């Protein structure tokens, strides 16, 4: 009996091998293109925002990246960066962009969610270095200091009004003993602890402020935001 032809089998094996190589190469190429796109966007952000303390971290969502790039649209982009305000205080920015599209001269996002966090030690530097700020839990700011050698602790809830953060006491202790948080001396002391928020990037405006483990955070949202 004549031997079966080997050439078709060899061709089949070659096709299978080529398909396997292509299957392995496509994800690698997509990952490489994503990394390049994130680096380019990080460089663009750093060039437009000289107040950054280090290179921003950029993550572009969506898969496959190459298809989204070809369409000029990405479903999600996250940016994190450490910056310094105009008056020299550190701030951590975490920005989530949705439906980012490329347009002549730049990019635009259909929605933006942003958080700008000021660390507690910077809050003290803004007012009185004798004050110590920390997370009081349940969205409260804990304020500690000593008055005539006696420890005073006040927990207060931050409020945002006309771009200014004010504090309202919810509890207070003097030398470990509870006192009325509505005491005029406490109310007056808190009235002096107010912070004017700096201008936010992208034309955003803060809608609320919260307290967390990392500091005081201003939250902002926007729609149809031009990214430049």
N, C-alpha and C. Protein backbone atom coordinates (compact mmCIF):
# COMPACT_ATOMS: atom_id res chain seq x y z
N UNK A 1 0.87 -1.19 0.00
CA UNK A 1 0.00 0.00 0.00
C UNK A 1 0.90 1.24 0.00
N UNK A 2 0.60 2.21 -0.89
CA UNK A 2 1.45 3.40 -0.94
C UNK A 2 1.31 4.23 0.34
N UNK A 3 2.43 4.90 0.74
CA UNK A 3 2.42 5.74 1.95
C UNK A 3 1.54 6.96 1.73
N UNK A 4 0.84 7.38 2.82
CA UNK A 4 -0.03 8.55 2.74
C UNK A 4 0.80 9.80 2.52
N UNK A 5 0.31 10.72 1.76
CA UNK A 5 1.08 11.94 1.49
C UNK A 5 1.33 12.72 2.78
N UNK A 6 2.58 13.17 2.92
CA UNK A 6 2.94 13.90 4.15
C UNK A 6 2.79 15.41 4.02
N UNK A 7 2.77 15.90 2.79
CA UNK A 7 2.77 17.34 2.59
C UNK A 7 1.53 18.00 3.21
N UNK A 8 0.31 17.47 3.00
CA UNK A 8 -0.87 18.10 3.63
C UNK A 8 -0.76 18.14 5.15
N UNK A 9 -0.18 17.04 5.73
CA UNK A 9 -0.04 17.03 7.19
C UNK A 9 0.93 18.12 7.66
N UNK A 10 2.02 18.25 6.91
CA UNK A 10 2.98 19.28 7.26
C UNK A 10 2.37 20.67 7.17
N UNK A 11 1.57 20.89 6.15
CA UNK A 11 0.91 22.18 6.00
C UNK A 11 -0.05 22.44 7.16
N UNK A 12 -0.76 21.38 7.54
CA UNK A 12 -1.70 21.53 8.65
C UNK A 12 -0.97 21.88 9.94
N UNK A 13 0.16 21.19 10.17
CA UNK A 13 0.94 21.48 11.37
C UNK A 13 1.49 22.90 11.33
N UNK A 14 1.92 23.35 10.13
CA UNK A 14 2.44 24.71 10.00
C UNK A 14 1.36 25.74 10.29
N UNK A 15 0.14 25.47 9.78
CA UNK A 15 -0.98 26.39 10.04
C UNK A 15 -1.30 26.45 11.53
N UNK A 16 -1.33 25.28 12.17
CA UNK A 16 -1.63 25.23 13.60
C UNK A 16 -0.55 25.97 14.40
N UNK A 17 0.72 25.75 14.02
CA UNK A 17 1.81 26.42 14.71
C UNK A 17 1.73 27.93 14.54
N UNK A 18 1.42 28.37 13.30
CA UNK A 18 1.29 29.81 13.05
C UNK A 18 0.15 30.40 13.85
N UNK A 19 -0.96 29.67 13.94
CA UNK A 19 -2.11 30.15 14.70
C UNK A 19 -1.76 30.26 16.18
N UNK A 20 -1.00 29.27 16.68
CA UNK A 20 -0.60 29.30 18.09
C UNK A 20 0.30 30.48 18.38
N UNK A 21 1.26 30.74 17.48
CA UNK A 21 2.15 31.89 17.65
C UNK A 21 1.37 33.19 17.62
N UNK A 22 0.42 33.28 16.69
CA UNK A 22 -0.38 34.50 16.58
C UNK A 22 -1.25 34.70 17.81
N UNK A 23 -1.83 33.60 18.31
CA UNK A 23 -2.66 33.68 19.51
C UNK A 23 -1.87 34.16 20.71
N UNK A 24 -0.61 33.71 20.80
CA UNK A 24 0.23 34.14 21.92
C UNK A 24 0.75 35.54 21.72
N UNK A 25 0.98 35.93 20.46
CA UNK A 25 1.57 37.24 20.19
C UNK A 25 0.57 38.37 20.35
N UNK A 26 -0.71 38.14 20.03
CA UNK A 26 -1.69 39.22 20.08
C UNK A 26 -1.85 39.80 21.49
N UNK A 27 -2.04 38.96 22.53
CA UNK A 27 -2.13 39.56 23.87
C UNK A 27 -0.87 40.32 24.27
N UNK A 28 0.30 39.79 23.88
CA UNK A 28 1.54 40.48 24.21
C UNK A 28 1.62 41.83 23.51
N UNK A 29 1.22 41.84 22.23
CA UNK A 29 1.23 43.10 21.49
C UNK A 29 0.23 44.08 22.07
N UNK A 30 -0.94 43.57 22.50
CA UNK A 30 -1.96 44.44 23.09
C UNK A 30 -1.46 45.03 24.40
N UNK A 31 -0.80 44.19 25.22
CA UNK A 31 -0.26 44.68 26.50
C UNK A 31 0.83 45.72 26.28
N UNK A 32 1.67 45.49 25.28
CA UNK A 32 2.73 46.45 24.97
C UNK A 32 2.16 47.78 24.50
N UNK A 33 1.14 47.70 23.65
CA UNK A 33 0.50 48.92 23.16
C UNK A 33 -0.20 49.66 24.31
N UNK A 34 -0.82 48.93 25.23
CA UNK A 34 -1.48 49.57 26.38
C UNK A 34 -0.44 50.30 27.24
N UNK A 35 0.68 49.63 27.50
CA UNK A 35 1.74 50.25 28.31
C UNK A 35 2.25 51.52 27.63
N UNK A 36 2.42 51.46 26.33
CA UNK A 36 2.90 52.64 25.60
C UNK A 36 1.87 53.76 25.67
N UNK A 37 0.58 53.41 25.51
CA UNK A 37 -0.47 54.42 25.59
C UNK A 37 -0.55 55.05 26.97
N UNK A 38 -0.40 54.25 28.02
CA UNK A 38 -0.44 54.79 29.39
C UNK A 38 0.76 55.70 29.64
N UNK A 39 1.93 55.33 29.13
CA UNK A 39 3.12 56.16 29.31
C UNK A 39 2.97 57.50 28.59
N UNK A 40 2.42 57.45 27.37
CA UNK A 40 2.22 58.69 26.62
C UNK A 40 1.25 59.62 27.34
N UNK A 41 0.17 59.04 27.87
CA UNK A 41 -0.82 59.86 28.58
C UNK A 41 -0.22 60.42 29.86
N UNK A 42 0.58 59.62 30.56
CA UNK A 42 1.23 60.11 31.79
C UNK A 42 2.16 61.28 31.47
N UNK A 43 2.91 61.17 30.38
CA UNK A 43 3.81 62.27 29.99
C UNK A 43 3.01 63.52 29.63
N UNK A 44 1.88 63.32 28.98
CA UNK A 44 1.03 64.46 28.59
C UNK A 44 0.49 65.17 29.83
N UNK A 45 0.05 64.39 30.82
CA UNK A 45 -0.48 64.97 32.05
C UNK A 45 0.62 65.71 32.81
N UNK A 46 1.80 65.10 32.90
CA UNK A 46 2.91 65.73 33.62
C UNK A 46 3.31 67.06 32.97
N UNK A 47 3.27 67.10 31.64
CA UNK A 47 3.65 68.33 30.94
C UNK A 47 2.64 69.45 31.17
N UNK A 48 1.37 69.09 31.33
CA UNK A 48 0.32 70.10 31.50
C UNK A 48 0.10 70.50 32.94
N UNK A 49 0.65 69.73 33.89
CA UNK A 49 0.45 70.03 35.31
C UNK A 49 1.80 70.05 36.02
N UNK A 50 2.50 71.18 35.99
CA UNK A 50 3.84 71.26 36.58
C UNK A 50 3.85 71.11 38.10
N UNK A 51 2.70 71.17 38.75
CA UNK A 51 2.65 71.03 40.19
C UNK A 51 2.75 69.60 40.68
N UNK A 52 2.85 68.63 39.78
CA UNK A 52 2.97 67.23 40.19
C UNK A 52 4.32 66.98 40.83
N UNK A 53 4.33 66.18 41.90
CA UNK A 53 5.56 65.88 42.61
C UNK A 53 6.29 64.69 42.00
N UNK A 54 5.59 63.86 41.23
CA UNK A 54 6.19 62.70 40.58
C UNK A 54 5.33 62.35 39.37
N UNK A 55 5.81 61.41 38.58
CA UNK A 55 5.08 61.01 37.38
C UNK A 55 3.73 60.41 37.77
N UNK A 56 2.64 60.79 37.12
CA UNK A 56 1.34 60.23 37.45
C UNK A 56 1.25 58.76 37.06
N UNK A 57 0.40 58.04 37.76
CA UNK A 57 0.13 56.64 37.43
C UNK A 57 -1.15 56.59 36.61
N UNK A 58 -1.08 55.98 35.44
CA UNK A 58 -2.21 55.93 34.51
C UNK A 58 -2.56 54.48 34.20
N UNK A 59 -3.83 54.17 34.28
CA UNK A 59 -4.31 52.84 33.89
C UNK A 59 -5.46 53.01 32.90
N UNK A 60 -5.30 52.46 31.72
CA UNK A 60 -6.33 52.53 30.69
C UNK A 60 -7.08 51.21 30.66
N UNK A 61 -8.38 51.26 30.89
CA UNK A 61 -9.19 50.05 30.90
C UNK A 61 -9.70 49.71 29.51
N UNK A 62 -10.40 48.60 29.43
CA UNK A 62 -10.95 48.16 28.15
C UNK A 62 -10.08 47.11 27.50
N UNK A 63 -10.71 46.15 26.82
CA UNK A 63 -9.97 45.07 26.17
C UNK A 63 -10.72 44.64 24.90
N UNK A 64 -10.03 44.47 23.80
CA UNK A 64 -8.59 44.70 23.63
C UNK A 64 -8.27 46.18 23.46
N UNK A 65 -7.11 46.58 23.96
CA UNK A 65 -6.71 47.98 23.89
C UNK A 65 -6.57 48.45 22.46
N UNK A 66 -5.98 47.64 21.60
CA UNK A 66 -5.71 48.06 20.23
C UNK A 66 -7.00 48.40 19.50
N UNK A 67 -8.06 47.65 19.76
CA UNK A 67 -9.34 47.94 19.11
C UNK A 67 -9.90 49.26 19.58
N UNK A 68 -9.83 49.51 20.90
CA UNK A 68 -10.30 50.79 21.44
C UNK A 68 -9.46 51.94 20.88
N UNK A 69 -8.14 51.73 20.80
CA UNK A 69 -7.26 52.78 20.28
C UNK A 69 -7.60 53.08 18.83
N UNK A 70 -7.91 52.04 18.06
CA UNK A 70 -8.26 52.25 16.66
C UNK A 70 -9.55 53.05 16.53
N UNK A 71 -10.46 52.86 17.46
CA UNK A 71 -11.73 53.60 17.43
C UNK A 71 -11.59 54.98 18.07
N UNK A 72 -10.44 55.23 18.73
CA UNK A 72 -10.23 56.52 19.37
C UNK A 72 -11.09 56.73 20.60
N UNK A 73 -11.41 55.65 21.32
CA UNK A 73 -12.26 55.75 22.51
C UNK A 73 -11.88 54.66 23.50
N UNK A 74 -11.85 55.03 24.80
CA UNK A 74 -11.54 54.08 25.86
C UNK A 74 -12.64 54.17 26.92
N UNK A 75 -13.16 53.03 27.38
CA UNK A 75 -14.28 53.07 28.34
C UNK A 75 -13.91 53.64 29.70
N UNK A 76 -12.63 53.49 30.08
CA UNK A 76 -12.25 53.95 31.42
C UNK A 76 -10.76 54.27 31.47
N UNK A 77 -10.43 55.37 32.10
CA UNK A 77 -9.04 55.74 32.35
C UNK A 77 -8.94 56.21 33.79
N UNK A 78 -7.99 55.65 34.54
CA UNK A 78 -7.78 56.06 35.93
C UNK A 78 -6.41 56.72 36.07
N UNK A 79 -6.39 57.83 36.77
CA UNK A 79 -5.14 58.58 36.95
C UNK A 79 -4.97 58.87 38.45
N UNK A 80 -3.78 58.57 38.97
CA UNK A 80 -3.43 58.89 40.35
C UNK A 80 -2.13 59.68 40.34
N UNK A 81 -2.08 60.73 41.16
CA UNK A 81 -0.87 61.56 41.15
C UNK A 81 -0.75 62.29 42.48
N UNK A 82 0.50 62.56 42.87
CA UNK A 82 0.81 63.39 44.03
C UNK A 82 1.20 64.77 43.52
N UNK A 83 0.56 65.78 44.07
CA UNK A 83 0.80 67.15 43.60
C UNK A 83 0.99 68.08 44.78
N UNK A 84 1.28 69.33 44.45
CA UNK A 84 1.44 70.38 45.45
C UNK A 84 0.55 71.54 45.05
N UNK A 85 -0.23 72.07 45.99
CA UNK A 85 -1.10 73.20 45.70
C UNK A 85 -0.27 74.46 45.50
N UNK A 86 -0.93 75.52 45.05
CA UNK A 86 -0.23 76.78 44.80
C UNK A 86 0.42 77.35 46.06
N UNK A 87 -0.15 77.02 47.23
CA UNK A 87 0.44 77.52 48.48
C UNK A 87 1.36 76.49 49.13
N UNK A 88 1.75 75.45 48.37
CA UNK A 88 2.79 74.55 48.82
C UNK A 88 2.37 73.37 49.65
N UNK A 89 1.09 73.02 49.66
CA UNK A 89 0.62 71.90 50.47
C UNK A 89 0.39 70.67 49.60
N UNK A 90 0.77 69.50 50.09
CA UNK A 90 0.63 68.28 49.29
C UNK A 90 -0.82 67.86 49.16
N UNK A 91 -1.14 67.21 48.04
CA UNK A 91 -2.48 66.69 47.81
C UNK A 91 -2.36 65.46 46.92
N UNK A 92 -3.18 64.48 47.19
CA UNK A 92 -3.24 63.25 46.39
C UNK A 92 -4.49 63.30 45.52
N UNK A 93 -4.30 63.16 44.22
CA UNK A 93 -5.42 63.21 43.27
C UNK A 93 -5.68 61.81 42.70
N UNK A 94 -6.92 61.38 42.75
CA UNK A 94 -7.35 60.12 42.13
C UNK A 94 -8.54 60.45 41.24
N UNK A 95 -8.35 60.28 39.94
CA UNK A 95 -9.35 60.70 38.96
C UNK A 95 -9.76 59.51 38.10
N UNK A 96 -11.07 59.30 37.98
CA UNK A 96 -11.60 58.25 37.11
C UNK A 96 -12.35 58.90 35.95
N UNK A 97 -11.92 58.60 34.75
CA UNK A 97 -12.51 59.14 33.53
C UNK A 97 -13.27 58.04 32.81
N UNK A 98 -14.48 58.35 32.36
CA UNK A 98 -15.27 57.35 31.63
C UNK A 98 -15.54 57.83 30.21
N UNK A 99 -15.50 56.86 29.30
CA UNK A 99 -15.74 57.13 27.88
C UNK A 99 -14.85 58.27 27.39
N UNK A 100 -13.55 57.99 27.42
CA UNK A 100 -12.57 58.97 26.97
C UNK A 100 -12.42 58.85 25.46
N UNK A 101 -12.62 59.94 24.75
CA UNK A 101 -12.55 59.93 23.29
C UNK A 101 -11.51 60.94 22.83
N UNK A 102 -10.84 60.60 21.75
CA UNK A 102 -9.85 61.49 21.17
C UNK A 102 -10.54 62.45 20.22
N UNK A 103 -10.10 63.70 20.26
CA UNK A 103 -10.66 64.71 19.38
C UNK A 103 -9.52 65.62 18.92
N UNK A 104 -9.74 66.45 17.93
CA UNK A 104 -8.65 67.31 17.47
C UNK A 104 -8.07 68.16 18.61
N UNK A 105 -6.79 68.02 18.84
CA UNK A 105 -6.12 68.82 19.87
C UNK A 105 -6.16 68.25 21.26
N UNK A 106 -6.77 67.08 21.47
CA UNK A 106 -6.79 66.53 22.81
C UNK A 106 -7.82 65.44 22.99
N UNK A 107 -8.31 65.33 24.23
CA UNK A 107 -9.26 64.28 24.58
C UNK A 107 -10.42 64.89 25.37
N UNK A 108 -11.50 64.11 25.48
CA UNK A 108 -12.66 64.52 26.27
C UNK A 108 -13.21 63.29 26.97
N UNK A 109 -13.84 63.50 28.13
CA UNK A 109 -14.45 62.41 28.89
C UNK A 109 -15.91 62.72 29.12
N UNK A 110 -16.75 61.70 28.95
CA UNK A 110 -18.18 61.93 29.16
C UNK A 110 -18.48 62.14 30.64
N UNK A 111 -17.72 61.47 31.53
CA UNK A 111 -17.91 61.63 32.97
C UNK A 111 -16.56 61.62 33.67
N UNK A 112 -16.49 62.37 34.75
CA UNK A 112 -15.27 62.42 35.57
C UNK A 112 -15.66 62.33 37.04
N UNK A 113 -15.03 61.40 37.76
CA UNK A 113 -15.15 61.31 39.21
C UNK A 113 -13.76 61.54 39.79
N UNK A 114 -13.62 62.52 40.67
CA UNK A 114 -12.29 62.87 41.18
C UNK A 114 -12.31 63.01 42.70
N UNK A 115 -11.18 62.63 43.30
CA UNK A 115 -10.99 62.80 44.74
C UNK A 115 -9.63 63.46 44.97
N UNK A 116 -9.63 64.49 45.79
CA UNK A 116 -8.40 65.22 46.10
C UNK A 116 -8.23 65.19 47.62
N UNK A 117 -7.19 64.48 48.07
CA UNK A 117 -7.01 64.23 49.50
C UNK A 117 -5.82 65.01 50.06
N UNK A 118 -6.08 65.76 51.11
CA UNK A 118 -5.03 66.50 51.83
C UNK A 118 -4.71 65.72 53.10
N UNK A 119 -3.44 65.36 53.34
CA UNK A 119 -3.09 64.60 54.54
C UNK A 119 -3.32 65.40 55.82
N UNK A 120 -3.51 64.68 56.91
CA UNK A 120 -3.82 65.33 58.18
C UNK A 120 -2.72 66.28 58.64
N UNK A 121 -1.46 65.89 58.47
CA UNK A 121 -0.39 66.77 58.96
C UNK A 121 -0.35 68.09 58.20
N UNK A 122 -0.83 68.09 56.96
CA UNK A 122 -0.89 69.34 56.22
C UNK A 122 -2.00 70.23 56.74
N UNK A 123 -3.08 69.63 57.22
CA UNK A 123 -4.17 70.43 57.81
C UNK A 123 -3.66 71.19 59.03
N UNK A 124 -2.83 70.53 59.84
CA UNK A 124 -2.28 71.20 61.00
C UNK A 124 -1.38 72.35 60.62
N UNK A 125 -0.60 72.14 59.57
CA UNK A 125 0.31 73.19 59.14
C UNK A 125 -0.44 74.40 58.62
N UNK A 126 -1.64 74.19 58.13
CA UNK A 126 -2.41 75.29 57.59
C UNK A 126 -2.95 76.20 58.69
N UNK A 127 -3.11 75.69 59.88
CA UNK A 127 -3.75 76.48 60.94
C UNK A 127 -2.82 76.68 62.13
N UNK A 128 -2.65 75.64 62.91
CA UNK A 128 -1.87 75.75 64.15
C UNK A 128 -1.10 74.45 64.32
N UNK A 129 0.23 74.54 64.36
CA UNK A 129 1.05 73.33 64.46
C UNK A 129 0.84 72.60 65.79
N UNK A 130 0.24 73.26 66.76
CA UNK A 130 -0.04 72.60 68.03
C UNK A 130 -1.23 71.67 67.93
N UNK A 131 -2.01 71.80 66.86
CA UNK A 131 -3.17 70.94 66.65
C UNK A 131 -2.74 69.64 65.99
N UNK A 132 -3.39 68.55 66.36
CA UNK A 132 -3.17 67.26 65.72
C UNK A 132 -4.49 66.76 65.17
N UNK A 133 -4.52 66.51 63.86
CA UNK A 133 -5.73 66.03 63.20
C UNK A 133 -5.58 64.55 62.88
N UNK A 134 -6.70 63.82 62.96
CA UNK A 134 -6.71 62.40 62.61
C UNK A 134 -8.13 61.98 62.28
N UNK A 135 -8.26 60.73 61.84
CA UNK A 135 -9.56 60.18 61.48
C UNK A 135 -10.32 59.82 62.74
N UNK A 136 -11.49 60.46 62.93
CA UNK A 136 -12.29 60.19 64.11
C UNK A 136 -13.31 59.09 63.90
N UNK A 137 -13.34 58.49 62.69
CA UNK A 137 -14.33 57.45 62.42
C UNK A 137 -15.70 58.02 62.11
N UNK A 138 -16.48 57.28 61.34
CA UNK A 138 -17.84 57.68 61.00
C UNK A 138 -17.87 59.05 60.30
N UNK A 139 -16.83 59.34 59.51
CA UNK A 139 -16.80 60.60 58.77
C UNK A 139 -16.46 61.82 59.59
N UNK A 140 -15.94 61.61 60.80
CA UNK A 140 -15.62 62.73 61.69
C UNK A 140 -14.12 63.00 61.71
N UNK A 141 -13.78 64.25 61.96
CA UNK A 141 -12.40 64.68 62.09
C UNK A 141 -12.08 64.81 63.58
N UNK A 142 -10.99 64.18 64.00
CA UNK A 142 -10.58 64.24 65.40
C UNK A 142 -9.50 65.32 65.54
N UNK A 143 -9.70 66.22 66.48
CA UNK A 143 -8.78 67.34 66.69
C UNK A 143 -8.29 67.29 68.13
N UNK A 144 -6.96 67.29 68.30
CA UNK A 144 -6.37 67.22 69.62
C UNK A 144 -5.39 68.37 69.82
N UNK A 145 -5.35 68.88 71.03
CA UNK A 145 -4.34 69.85 71.42
C UNK A 145 -4.32 69.94 72.94
N UNK A 146 -3.35 70.64 73.46
CA UNK A 146 -3.27 70.84 74.90
C UNK A 146 -3.48 72.31 75.20
N UNK A 147 -4.34 72.58 76.18
CA UNK A 147 -4.61 73.95 76.62
C UNK A 147 -4.19 74.07 78.08
N UNK A 148 -3.14 74.85 78.31
CA UNK A 148 -2.58 74.99 79.66
C UNK A 148 -2.19 73.63 80.23
N UNK A 149 -1.66 72.78 79.35
CA UNK A 149 -1.21 71.46 79.78
C UNK A 149 -2.31 70.43 79.88
N UNK A 150 -3.54 70.80 79.59
CA UNK A 150 -4.67 69.87 79.70
C UNK A 150 -5.07 69.41 78.30
N UNK A 151 -5.17 68.09 78.09
CA UNK A 151 -5.54 67.60 76.75
C UNK A 151 -7.01 67.88 76.43
N UNK A 152 -7.22 68.43 75.24
CA UNK A 152 -8.57 68.71 74.74
C UNK A 152 -8.75 67.94 73.43
N UNK A 153 -9.85 67.21 73.34
CA UNK A 153 -10.14 66.43 72.13
C UNK A 153 -11.54 66.81 71.64
N UNK A 154 -11.63 67.15 70.38
CA UNK A 154 -12.91 67.51 69.77
C UNK A 154 -13.07 66.67 68.50
N UNK A 155 -14.24 66.10 68.31
CA UNK A 155 -14.57 65.45 67.04
C UNK A 155 -15.59 66.33 66.33
N UNK A 156 -15.35 66.55 65.03
CA UNK A 156 -16.20 67.47 64.28
C UNK A 156 -16.45 66.92 62.89
N UNK A 157 -17.59 67.30 62.34
CA UNK A 157 -17.93 66.88 60.99
C UNK A 157 -17.66 68.04 60.02
N UNK A 158 -16.92 67.77 58.93
CA UNK A 158 -16.64 68.83 57.97
C UNK A 158 -17.83 69.11 57.08
N UNK A 159 -17.99 70.35 56.69
CA UNK A 159 -19.05 70.77 55.77
C UNK A 159 -18.44 71.67 54.71
N UNK A 160 -19.01 71.59 53.52
CA UNK A 160 -18.52 72.41 52.42
C UNK A 160 -19.58 73.42 52.03
N UNK A 161 -19.20 74.68 52.04
CA UNK A 161 -20.12 75.74 51.67
C UNK A 161 -19.34 76.84 50.97
N UNK A 162 -19.78 77.17 49.75
CA UNK A 162 -19.11 78.23 48.96
C UNK A 162 -17.61 77.97 48.84
N UNK A 163 -17.28 76.70 48.59
CA UNK A 163 -15.89 76.30 48.37
C UNK A 163 -15.02 76.44 49.61
N UNK A 164 -15.64 76.55 50.78
CA UNK A 164 -14.92 76.66 52.05
C UNK A 164 -15.33 75.52 52.97
N UNK A 165 -14.34 74.87 53.58
CA UNK A 165 -14.60 73.77 54.51
C UNK A 165 -14.69 74.34 55.92
N UNK A 166 -15.80 74.06 56.59
CA UNK A 166 -15.98 74.46 57.99
C UNK A 166 -16.22 73.22 58.83
N UNK A 167 -16.11 73.36 60.15
CA UNK A 167 -16.25 72.24 61.07
C UNK A 167 -17.35 72.51 62.09
N UNK A 168 -18.10 71.45 62.39
CA UNK A 168 -19.15 71.52 63.42
C UNK A 168 -18.90 70.43 64.43
N UNK A 169 -18.71 70.81 65.68
CA UNK A 169 -18.36 69.84 66.73
C UNK A 169 -19.52 68.90 67.02
N UNK A 170 -19.19 67.63 67.21
CA UNK A 170 -20.20 66.64 67.60
C UNK A 170 -19.95 66.10 69.00
N UNK A 171 -18.71 66.17 69.47
CA UNK A 171 -18.37 65.72 70.83
C UNK A 171 -17.06 66.37 71.23
N UNK A 172 -16.84 66.43 72.56
CA UNK A 172 -15.61 67.03 73.07
C UNK A 172 -15.30 66.48 74.45
N UNK A 173 -14.00 66.40 74.75
CA UNK A 173 -13.58 65.99 76.09
C UNK A 173 -12.49 66.93 76.57
N UNK A 174 -12.45 67.14 77.88
CA UNK A 174 -11.42 67.95 78.52
C UNK A 174 -10.79 67.09 79.61
N UNK A 175 -9.49 66.77 79.42
CA UNK A 175 -8.80 65.87 80.34
C UNK A 175 -9.53 64.54 80.45
N UNK A 176 -10.10 64.09 79.34
CA UNK A 176 -10.79 62.81 79.31
C UNK A 176 -12.23 62.85 79.77
N UNK A 177 -12.73 64.01 80.20
CA UNK A 177 -14.10 64.12 80.68
C UNK A 177 -14.97 64.80 79.62
N UNK A 178 -16.14 64.25 79.33
CA UNK A 178 -17.01 64.86 78.31
C UNK A 178 -17.44 66.27 78.70
N UNK A 179 -17.46 67.15 77.69
CA UNK A 179 -17.98 68.50 77.86
C UNK A 179 -18.94 68.79 76.72
N UNK A 180 -19.74 69.82 76.90
CA UNK A 180 -20.72 70.18 75.88
C UNK A 180 -19.98 70.70 74.63
N UNK A 181 -20.16 70.02 73.45
CA UNK A 181 -19.46 70.50 72.25
C UNK A 181 -19.93 71.87 71.78
N UNK A 182 -21.10 72.30 72.30
CA UNK A 182 -21.62 73.62 71.92
C UNK A 182 -21.06 74.73 72.79
N UNK A 183 -20.12 74.40 73.66
CA UNK A 183 -19.49 75.43 74.49
C UNK A 183 -18.94 76.54 73.61
N UNK A 184 -19.20 77.81 73.95
CA UNK A 184 -18.75 78.91 73.10
C UNK A 184 -17.26 78.86 72.76
N UNK A 185 -16.42 78.45 73.71
CA UNK A 185 -14.98 78.41 73.45
C UNK A 185 -14.66 77.41 72.34
N UNK A 186 -15.35 76.26 72.35
CA UNK A 186 -15.13 75.25 71.31
C UNK A 186 -15.66 75.74 69.98
N UNK A 187 -16.86 76.31 70.01
CA UNK A 187 -17.45 76.83 68.77
C UNK A 187 -16.57 77.90 68.15
N UNK A 188 -16.01 78.77 68.98
CA UNK A 188 -15.15 79.83 68.47
C UNK A 188 -13.85 79.25 67.89
N UNK A 189 -13.30 78.25 68.58
CA UNK A 189 -12.06 77.64 68.10
C UNK A 189 -12.28 76.97 66.75
N UNK A 190 -13.41 76.29 66.58
CA UNK A 190 -13.69 75.64 65.30
C UNK A 190 -14.00 76.66 64.21
N UNK A 191 -14.61 77.77 64.60
CA UNK A 191 -14.92 78.80 63.60
C UNK A 191 -13.64 79.33 62.96
N UNK A 192 -12.52 79.24 63.70
CA UNK A 192 -11.25 79.72 63.16
C UNK A 192 -10.55 78.67 62.31
N UNK A 193 -11.06 77.42 62.33
CA UNK A 193 -10.49 76.34 61.53
C UNK A 193 -11.32 76.16 60.28
N UNK A 194 -10.97 76.87 59.26
CA UNK A 194 -11.69 76.80 57.99
C UNK A 194 -10.66 76.84 56.87
N UNK A 195 -10.96 76.11 55.81
CA UNK A 195 -10.01 75.99 54.71
C UNK A 195 -10.70 76.33 53.40
N UNK A 196 -10.09 77.21 52.66
CA UNK A 196 -10.56 77.56 51.33
C UNK A 196 -9.96 76.58 50.34
N UNK A 197 -10.82 75.88 49.59
CA UNK A 197 -10.31 74.91 48.63
C UNK A 197 -9.66 75.62 47.44
N UNK A 198 -8.52 75.12 46.96
CA UNK A 198 -7.90 75.71 45.78
C UNK A 198 -8.68 75.34 44.52
N UNK A 199 -8.38 76.01 43.43
CA UNK A 199 -9.02 75.68 42.16
C UNK A 199 -8.64 74.26 41.76
N UNK A 200 -9.63 73.48 41.35
CA UNK A 200 -9.40 72.10 40.97
C UNK A 200 -9.11 72.01 39.47
N UNK A 201 -8.35 71.00 39.06
CA UNK A 201 -8.05 70.86 37.64
C UNK A 201 -9.29 70.47 36.84
N UNK A 202 -9.20 70.64 35.52
CA UNK A 202 -10.25 70.27 34.57
C UNK A 202 -11.52 71.10 34.76
N UNK A 203 -11.41 72.20 35.51
CA UNK A 203 -12.58 73.03 35.73
C UNK A 203 -13.60 72.42 36.67
N UNK A 204 -13.19 71.42 37.45
CA UNK A 204 -14.11 70.74 38.37
C UNK A 204 -14.37 71.60 39.60
N UNK A 205 -15.52 71.34 40.24
CA UNK A 205 -15.89 72.03 41.47
C UNK A 205 -16.26 70.99 42.52
N UNK A 206 -15.75 71.13 43.72
CA UNK A 206 -16.01 70.18 44.79
C UNK A 206 -17.49 70.19 45.17
N UNK A 207 -18.04 68.99 45.38
CA UNK A 207 -19.44 68.86 45.77
C UNK A 207 -19.61 68.47 47.23
N UNK A 208 -18.58 67.83 47.81
CA UNK A 208 -18.62 67.46 49.22
C UNK A 208 -17.21 67.17 49.71
N UNK A 209 -17.06 67.14 51.04
CA UNK A 209 -15.79 66.76 51.66
C UNK A 209 -16.05 65.65 52.66
N UNK A 210 -15.11 64.72 52.76
CA UNK A 210 -15.23 63.61 53.70
C UNK A 210 -13.89 63.41 54.41
N UNK A 211 -13.95 62.64 55.50
CA UNK A 211 -12.75 62.31 56.26
C UNK A 211 -12.52 60.80 56.16
N UNK A 212 -11.27 60.40 55.91
CA UNK A 212 -10.92 58.99 55.85
C UNK A 212 -9.56 58.77 56.47
N UNK A 213 -9.05 57.56 56.40
CA UNK A 213 -7.76 57.25 57.03
C UNK A 213 -6.59 58.08 56.49
N UNK A 214 -6.70 58.56 55.24
CA UNK A 214 -5.58 59.27 54.63
C UNK A 214 -5.64 60.78 54.77
N UNK A 215 -6.78 61.31 55.20
CA UNK A 215 -6.89 62.75 55.35
C UNK A 215 -8.27 63.27 54.99
N UNK A 216 -8.32 64.55 54.66
CA UNK A 216 -9.56 65.22 54.28
C UNK A 216 -9.67 65.20 52.75
N UNK A 217 -10.79 64.70 52.24
CA UNK A 217 -10.94 64.51 50.79
C UNK A 217 -12.06 65.36 50.23
N UNK A 218 -11.75 66.08 49.16
CA UNK A 218 -12.76 66.82 48.42
C UNK A 218 -13.17 65.99 47.21
N UNK A 219 -14.47 65.84 47.00
CA UNK A 219 -15.00 65.04 45.91
C UNK A 219 -15.58 65.97 44.84
N UNK A 220 -15.35 65.61 43.59
CA UNK A 220 -15.85 66.43 42.49
C UNK A 220 -16.29 65.52 41.35
N UNK A 221 -17.33 65.95 40.62
CA UNK A 221 -17.81 65.22 39.45
C UNK A 221 -18.02 66.20 38.32
N UNK A 222 -17.94 65.68 37.11
CA UNK A 222 -18.17 66.51 35.94
C UNK A 222 -18.64 65.68 34.77
N UNK A 223 -19.31 66.30 33.82
CA UNK A 223 -19.77 65.63 32.60
C UNK A 223 -19.34 66.43 31.39
N UNK A 224 -18.99 65.70 30.34
CA UNK A 224 -18.54 66.37 29.13
C UNK A 224 -17.33 67.24 29.36
N UNK A 225 -16.30 66.67 30.00
CA UNK A 225 -15.12 67.42 30.41
C UNK A 225 -14.04 67.35 29.34
N UNK A 226 -13.54 68.49 28.91
CA UNK A 226 -12.42 68.55 27.98
C UNK A 226 -11.12 68.34 28.74
N UNK A 227 -10.31 67.38 28.30
CA UNK A 227 -9.09 67.05 29.00
C UNK A 227 -7.86 67.76 28.44
N UNK A 228 -8.01 68.42 27.30
CA UNK A 228 -6.89 69.13 26.70
C UNK A 228 -5.99 68.20 25.90
